[in-house]
Amino acid sequence: MPVKINYSKCTACKTCYKDCPGDVIGWDEDNNIPFVAYQDECWYCGNCDIHCPEQAIEVSISPRFF
């Protein structure tokens, strides 16, 4: 899984949701939390990880790229 969200750190600021250019991160309106909607569509750009103010997201590069 390239994108992992640590919900114990997440403050639901929506930064990851707004900054993902591939719409990989979705938003659960009922629970007010982000979720990984399209894991296989991740571009590994790292926007969600880099911009998360709580460091609640980790993006792992897939071994298939090496």
PDB file of N, CA and C in Angstrom:
ATOM      1  N   MET A   1       0.826  -1.185   0.000  1.00  0.00           N
ATOM      2  CA  MET A   1       0.000   0.000   0.000  1.00  0.00           C
ATOM      3  C   MET A   1       0.872   1.251   0.000  1.00  0.00           C
ATOM      4  N   PRO A   2       0.798   2.054  -1.039  1.00  0.00           N
ATOM      5  CA  PRO A   2       1.665   3.230  -1.072  1.00  0.00           C
ATOM      6  C   PRO A   2       1.300   4.310  -0.057  1.00  0.00           C
ATOM      7  N   VAL A   3       0.009   4.524   0.209  1.00  0.00           N
ATOM      8  CA  VAL A   3      -0.403   5.600   1.109  1.00  0.00           C
ATOM      9  C   VAL A   3      -1.026   5.021   2.375  1.00  0.00           C
ATOM     10  N   LYS A   4      -0.478   5.439   3.511  1.00  0.00           N
ATOM     11  CA  LYS A   4      -1.018   5.005   4.801  1.00  0.00           C
ATOM     12  C   LYS A   4      -1.323   6.238   5.636  1.00  0.00           C
ATOM     13  N   ILE A   5      -2.503   6.233   6.261  1.00  0.00           N
ATOM     14  CA  ILE A   5      -2.918   7.340   7.117  1.00  0.00           C
ATOM     15  C   ILE A   5      -2.922   6.866   8.568  1.00  0.00           C
ATOM     16  N   ASN A   6      -2.215   7.595   9.406  1.00  0.00           N
ATOM     17  CA  ASN A   6      -2.187   7.298  10.834  1.00  0.00           C
ATOM     18  C   ASN A   6      -3.281   8.138  11.492  1.00  0.00           C
ATOM     19  N   TYR A   7      -4.405   7.510  11.770  1.00  0.00           N
ATOM     20  CA  TYR A   7      -5.558   8.244  12.282  1.00  0.00           C
ATOM     21  C   TYR A   7      -5.369   8.751  13.712  1.00  0.00           C
ATOM     22  N   SER A   8      -4.419   8.208  14.420  1.00  0.00           N
ATOM     23  CA  SER A   8      -4.165   8.718  15.774  1.00  0.00           C
ATOM     24  C   SER A   8      -3.473  10.085  15.730  1.00  0.00           C
ATOM     25  N   LYS A   9      -2.847  10.416  14.610  1.00  0.00           N
ATOM     26  CA  LYS A   9      -2.193  11.720  14.440  1.00  0.00           C
ATOM     27  C   LYS A   9      -3.052  12.707  13.642  1.00  0.00           C
ATOM     28  N   CYS A  10      -3.964  12.192  12.833  1.00  0.00           N
ATOM     29  CA  CYS A  10      -4.755  13.014  11.927  1.00  0.00           C
ATOM     30  C   CYS A  10      -5.703  13.938  12.694  1.00  0.00           C
ATOM     31  N   THR A  11      -5.726  15.216  12.267  1.00  0.00           N
ATOM     32  CA  THR A  11      -6.623  16.204  12.884  1.00  0.00           C
ATOM     33  C   THR A  11      -7.741  16.628  11.930  1.00  0.00           C
ATOM     34  N   ALA A  12      -7.899  15.907  10.840  1.00  0.00           N
ATOM     35  CA  ALA A  12      -8.957  16.153   9.858  1.00  0.00           C
ATOM     36  C   ALA A  12      -8.912  17.562   9.266  1.00  0.00           C
ATOM     37  N   CYS A  13      -7.722  18.025   8.940  1.00  0.00           N
ATOM     38  CA  CYS A  13      -7.551  19.373   8.384  1.00  0.00           C
ATOM     39  C   CYS A  13      -7.870  19.451   6.891  1.00  0.00           C
ATOM     40  N   LYS A  14      -7.986  18.312   6.241  1.00  0.00           N
ATOM     41  CA  LYS A  14      -8.277  18.169   4.810  1.00  0.00           C
ATOM     42  C   LYS A  14      -7.117  18.550   3.892  1.00  0.00           C
ATOM     43  N   THR A  15      -5.938  18.787   4.420  1.00  0.00           N
ATOM     44  CA  THR A  15      -4.792  19.154   3.581  1.00  0.00           C
ATOM     45  C   THR A  15      -4.468  18.052   2.586  1.00  0.00           C
ATOM     46  N   CYS A  16      -4.419  16.821   3.025  1.00  0.00           N
ATOM     47  CA  CYS A  16      -4.096  15.707   2.125  1.00  0.00           C
ATOM     48  C   CYS A  16      -5.147  15.574   1.027  1.00  0.00           C
ATOM     49  N   TYR A  17      -6.377  15.729   1.401  1.00  0.00           N
ATOM     50  CA  TYR A  17      -7.499  15.632   0.468  1.00  0.00           C
ATOM     51  C   TYR A  17      -7.420  16.735  -0.593  1.00  0.00           C
ATOM     52  N   LYS A  18      -7.116  17.935  -0.187  1.00  0.00           N
ATOM     53  CA  LYS A  18      -7.045  19.069  -1.106  1.00  0.00           C
ATOM     54  C   LYS A  18      -5.793  19.039  -1.982  1.00  0.00           C
ATOM     55  N   ASP A  19      -4.682  18.516  -1.446  1.00  0.00           N
ATOM     56  CA  ASP A  19      -3.406  18.573  -2.163  1.00  0.00           C
ATOM     57  C   ASP A  19      -3.120  17.385  -3.075  1.00  0.00           C
ATOM     58  N   CYS A  20      -3.919  16.338  -3.022  1.00  0.00           N
ATOM     59  CA  CYS A  20      -3.649  15.158  -3.848  1.00  0.00           C
ATOM     60  C   CYS A  20      -4.063  15.420  -5.297  1.00  0.00           C
ATOM     61  N   PRO A  21      -3.098  15.483  -6.228  1.00  0.00           N
ATOM     62  CA  PRO A  21      -3.437  15.780  -7.619  1.00  0.00           C
ATOM     63  C   PRO A  21      -4.153  14.635  -8.335  1.00  0.00           C
ATOM     64  N   GLY A  22      -4.047  13.424  -7.802  1.00  0.00           N
ATOM     65  CA  GLY A  22      -4.664  12.272  -8.449  1.00  0.00           C
ATOM     66  C   GLY A  22      -5.971  11.841  -7.819  1.00  0.00           C
ATOM     67  N   ASP A  23      -6.466  12.608  -6.872  1.00  0.00           N
ATOM     68  CA  ASP A  23      -7.699  12.266  -6.148  1.00  0.00           C
ATOM     69  C   ASP A  23      -7.635  10.884  -5.501  1.00  0.00           C
ATOM     70  N   VAL A  24      -6.448  10.501  -5.068  1.00  0.00           N
ATOM     71  CA  VAL A  24      -6.267   9.224  -4.380  1.00  0.00           C
ATOM     72  C   VAL A  24      -6.881   9.297  -2.982  1.00  0.00           C
ATOM     73  N   ILE A  25      -6.757  10.450  -2.355  1.00  0.00           N
ATOM     74  CA  ILE A  25      -7.314  10.657  -1.019  1.00  0.00           C
ATOM     75  C   ILE A  25      -8.754  11.131  -1.146  1.00  0.00           C
ATOM     76  N   GLY A  26      -9.646  10.397  -0.528  1.00  0.00           N
ATOM     77  CA  GLY A  26     -11.052  10.794  -0.502  1.00  0.00           C
ATOM     78  C   GLY A  26     -11.387  11.359   0.875  1.00  0.00           C
ATOM     79  N   TRP A  27     -12.594  11.864   1.013  1.00  0.00           N
ATOM     80  CA  TRP A  27     -13.027  12.434   2.299  1.00  0.00           C
ATOM     81  C   TRP A  27     -14.334  11.794   2.719  1.00  0.00           C
ATOM     82  N   ASP A  28     -14.340  11.212   3.905  1.00  0.00           N
ATOM     83  CA  ASP A  28     -15.533  10.594   4.479  1.00  0.00           C
ATOM     84  C   ASP A  28     -16.281  11.669   5.263  1.00  0.00           C
ATOM     85  N   GLU A  29     -17.335  12.206   4.661  1.00  0.00           N
ATOM     86  CA  GLU A  29     -18.107  13.295   5.280  1.00  0.00           C
ATOM     87  C   GLU A  29     -18.787  12.858   6.578  1.00  0.00           C
ATOM     88  N   ASP A  30     -19.244  11.623   6.632  1.00  0.00           N
ATOM     89  CA  ASP A  30     -19.943  11.136   7.825  1.00  0.00           C
ATOM     90  C   ASP A  30     -19.032  11.074   9.050  1.00  0.00           C
ATOM     91  N   ASN A  31     -17.795  10.623   8.837  1.00  0.00           N
ATOM     92  CA  ASN A  31     -16.849  10.478   9.947  1.00  0.00           C
ATOM     93  C   ASN A  31     -15.831  11.606  10.030  1.00  0.00           C
ATOM     94  N   ASN A  32     -15.859  12.511   9.041  1.00  0.00           N
ATOM     95  CA  ASN A  32     -14.944  13.647   8.979  1.00  0.00           C
ATOM     96  C   ASN A  32     -13.475  13.216   9.035  1.00  0.00           C
ATOM     97  N   ILE A  33     -13.123  12.260   8.161  1.00  0.00           N
ATOM     98  CA  ILE A  33     -11.747  11.772   8.080  1.00  0.00           C
ATOM     99  C   ILE A  33     -11.376  11.499   6.617  1.00  0.00           C
ATOM    100  N   PRO A  34     -10.075  11.583   6.310  1.00  0.00           N
ATOM    101  CA  PRO A  34      -9.631  11.205   4.970  1.00  0.00           C
ATOM    102  C   PRO A  34      -9.555   9.686   4.868  1.00  0.00           C
ATOM    103  N   PHE A  35      -9.591   9.197   3.655  1.00  0.00           N
ATOM    104  CA  PHE A  35      -9.374   7.767   3.424  1.00  0.00           C
ATOM    105  C   PHE A  35      -8.719   7.600   2.061  1.00  0.00           C
ATOM    106  N   VAL A  36      -8.065   6.484   1.867  1.00  0.00           N
ATOM    107  CA  VAL A  36      -7.395   6.212   0.601  1.00  0.00           C
ATOM    108  C   VAL A  36      -8.437   5.595  -0.326  1.00  0.00           C
ATOM    109  N   ALA A  37      -8.896   6.377  -1.287  1.00  0.00           N
ATOM    110  CA  ALA A  37      -9.982   5.949  -2.170  1.00  0.00           C
ATOM    111  C   ALA A  37      -9.484   5.109  -3.346  1.00  0.00           C
ATOM    112  N   TYR A  38      -8.341   5.481  -3.913  1.00  0.00           N
ATOM    113  CA  TYR A  38      -7.833   4.815  -5.114  1.00  0.00           C
ATOM    114  C   TYR A  38      -6.341   4.531  -4.967  1.00  0.00           C
ATOM    115  N   GLN A  39      -6.015   3.573  -4.137  1.00  0.00           N
ATOM    116  CA  GLN A  39      -4.624   3.232  -3.824  1.00  0.00           C
ATOM    117  C   GLN A  39      -3.792   2.980  -5.091  1.00  0.00           C
ATOM    118  N   ASP A  40      -4.345   2.254  -6.050  1.00  0.00           N
ATOM    119  CA  ASP A  40      -3.602   1.898  -7.264  1.00  0.00           C
ATOM    120  C   ASP A  40      -3.369   3.081  -8.196  1.00  0.00           C
ATOM    121  N   GLU A  41      -4.025   4.193  -7.946  1.00  0.00           N
ATOM    122  CA  GLU A  41      -3.882   5.370  -8.794  1.00  0.00           C
ATOM    123  C   GLU A  41      -2.834   6.347  -8.258  1.00  0.00           C
ATOM    124  N   CYS A  42      -2.203   6.021  -7.141  1.00  0.00           N
ATOM    125  CA  CYS A  42      -1.222   6.913  -6.520  1.00  0.00           C
ATOM    126  C   CYS A  42      -0.049   7.160  -7.456  1.00  0.00           C
ATOM    127  N   TRP A  43       0.338   8.427  -7.590  1.00  0.00           N
ATOM    128  CA  TRP A  43       1.463   8.826  -8.438  1.00  0.00           C
ATOM    129  C   TRP A  43       2.771   8.870  -7.663  1.00  0.00           C
ATOM    130  N   TYR A  44       2.722   8.620  -6.364  1.00  0.00           N
ATOM    131  CA  TYR A  44       3.906   8.681  -5.491  1.00  0.00           C
ATOM    132  C   TYR A  44       4.542  10.069  -5.500  1.00  0.00           C
ATOM    133  N   CYS A  45       3.727  11.084  -5.664  1.00  0.00           N
ATOM    134  CA  CYS A  45       4.255  12.454  -5.700  1.00  0.00           C
ATOM    135  C   CYS A  45       4.642  12.935  -4.301  1.00  0.00           C
ATOM    136  N   GLY A  46       3.975  12.401  -3.288  1.00  0.00           N
ATOM    137  CA  GLY A  46       4.303  12.764  -1.911  1.00  0.00           C
ATOM    138  C   GLY A  46       3.626  14.019  -1.401  1.00  0.00           C
ATOM    139  N   ASN A  47       2.751  14.642  -2.185  1.00  0.00           N
ATOM    140  CA  ASN A  47       2.087  15.871  -1.733  1.00  0.00           C
ATOM    141  C   ASN A  47       1.366  15.670  -0.411  1.00  0.00           C
ATOM    142  N   CYS A  48       0.640  14.580  -0.275  1.00  0.00           N
ATOM    143  CA  CYS A  48      -0.111  14.341   0.958  1.00  0.00           C
ATOM    144  C   CYS A  48       0.827  14.211   2.154  1.00  0.00           C
ATOM    145  N   ASP A  49       1.924  13.519   1.960  1.00  0.00           N
ATOM    146  CA  ASP A  49       2.912  13.299   3.021  1.00  0.00           C
ATOM    147  C   ASP A  49       3.641  14.601   3.375  1.00  0.00           C
ATOM    148  N   ILE A  50       4.109  15.305   2.379  1.00  0.00           N
ATOM    149  CA  ILE A  50       4.893  16.523   2.577  1.00  0.00           C
ATOM    150  C   ILE A  50       4.086  17.635   3.242  1.00  0.00           C
ATOM    151  N   HIS A  51       2.837  17.789   2.831  1.00  0.00           N
ATOM    152  CA  HIS A  51       2.033  18.909   3.315  1.00  0.00           C
ATOM    153  C   HIS A  51       1.231  18.622   4.584  1.00  0.00           C
ATOM    154  N   CYS A  52       1.203  17.388   5.025  1.00  0.00           N
ATOM    155  CA  CYS A  52       0.448  17.063   6.245  1.00  0.00           C
ATOM    156  C   CYS A  52       1.106  17.716   7.461  1.00  0.00           C
ATOM    157  N   PRO A  53       0.405  18.645   8.122  1.00  0.00           N
ATOM    158  CA  PRO A  53       1.009  19.346   9.260  1.00  0.00           C
ATOM    159  C   PRO A  53       1.221  18.451  10.487  1.00  0.00           C
ATOM    160  N   GLU A  54       0.541  17.328  10.533  1.00  0.00           N
ATOM    161  CA  GLU A  54       0.651  16.423  11.684  1.00  0.00           C
ATOM    162  C   GLU A  54       1.529  15.207  11.400  1.00  0.00           C
ATOM    163  N   GLN A  55       2.085  15.127  10.203  1.00  0.00           N
ATOM    164  CA  GLN A  55       2.891  13.986   9.769  1.00  0.00           C
ATOM    165  C   GLN A  55       2.127  12.673   9.972  1.00  0.00           C
ATOM    166  N   ALA A  56       0.876  12.696   9.562  1.00  0.00           N
ATOM    167  CA  ALA A  56      -0.004  11.546   9.736  1.00  0.00           C
ATOM    168  C   ALA A  56      -0.072  10.653   8.503  1.00  0.00           C
ATOM    169  N   ILE A  57       0.666  11.012   7.456  1.00  0.00           N
ATOM    170  CA  ILE A  57       0.620  10.233   6.214  1.00  0.00           C
ATOM    171  C   ILE A  57       2.013   9.774   5.837  1.00  0.00           C
ATOM    172  N   GLU A  58       2.059   8.548   5.351  1.00  0.00           N
ATOM    173  CA  GLU A  58       3.321   7.986   4.872  1.00  0.00           C
ATOM    174  C   GLU A  58       3.085   7.432   3.469  1.00  0.00           C
ATOM    175  N   VAL A  59       3.964   7.803   2.552  1.00  0.00           N
ATOM    176  CA  VAL A  59       3.901   7.289   1.189  1.00  0.00           C
ATOM    177  C   VAL A  59       5.111   6.397   0.981  1.00  0.00           C
ATOM    178  N   SER A  60       4.861   5.150   0.622  1.00  0.00           N
ATOM    179  CA  SER A  60       5.928   4.188   0.387  1.00  0.00           C
ATOM    180  C   SER A  60       6.059   3.919  -1.109  1.00  0.00           C
ATOM    181  N   ILE A  61       7.269   3.979  -1.604  1.00  0.00           N
ATOM    182  CA  ILE A  61       7.513   3.712  -3.012  1.00  0.00           C
ATOM    183  C   ILE A  61       7.439   2.208  -3.244  1.00  0.00           C
ATOM    184  N   SER A  62       6.720   1.820  -4.256  1.00  0.00           N
ATOM    185  CA  SER A  62       6.539   0.417  -4.586  1.00  0.00           C
ATOM    186  C   SER A  62       7.829  -0.160  -5.185  1.00  0.00           C
ATOM    187  N   PRO A  63       8.166  -1.390  -4.840  1.00  0.00           N
ATOM    188  CA  PRO A  63       9.369  -2.016  -5.422  1.00  0.00           C
ATOM    189  C   PRO A  63       9.260  -2.213  -6.932  1.00  0.00           C
ATOM    190  N   ARG A  64       8.054  -2.124  -7.485  1.00  0.00           N
ATOM    191  CA  ARG A  64       7.894  -2.316  -8.922  1.00  0.00           C
ATOM    192  C   ARG A  64       8.549  -1.197  -9.732  1.00  0.00           C
ATOM    193  N   PHE A  65       8.921  -0.093  -9.066  1.00  0.00           N
ATOM    194  CA  PHE A  65       9.570   1.015  -9.754  1.00  0.00           C
ATOM    195  C   PHE A  65      11.089   0.848  -9.823  1.00  0.00           C
ATOM    196  N   PHE A  66      11.591  -0.186  -9.217  1.00  0.00           N
ATOM    197  CA  PHE A  66      13.048  -0.391  -9.196  1.00  0.00           C
ATOM    198  C   PHE A  66      13.443  -1.588 -10.013  1.00  0.00           C
TER     199      PHE A  66
END
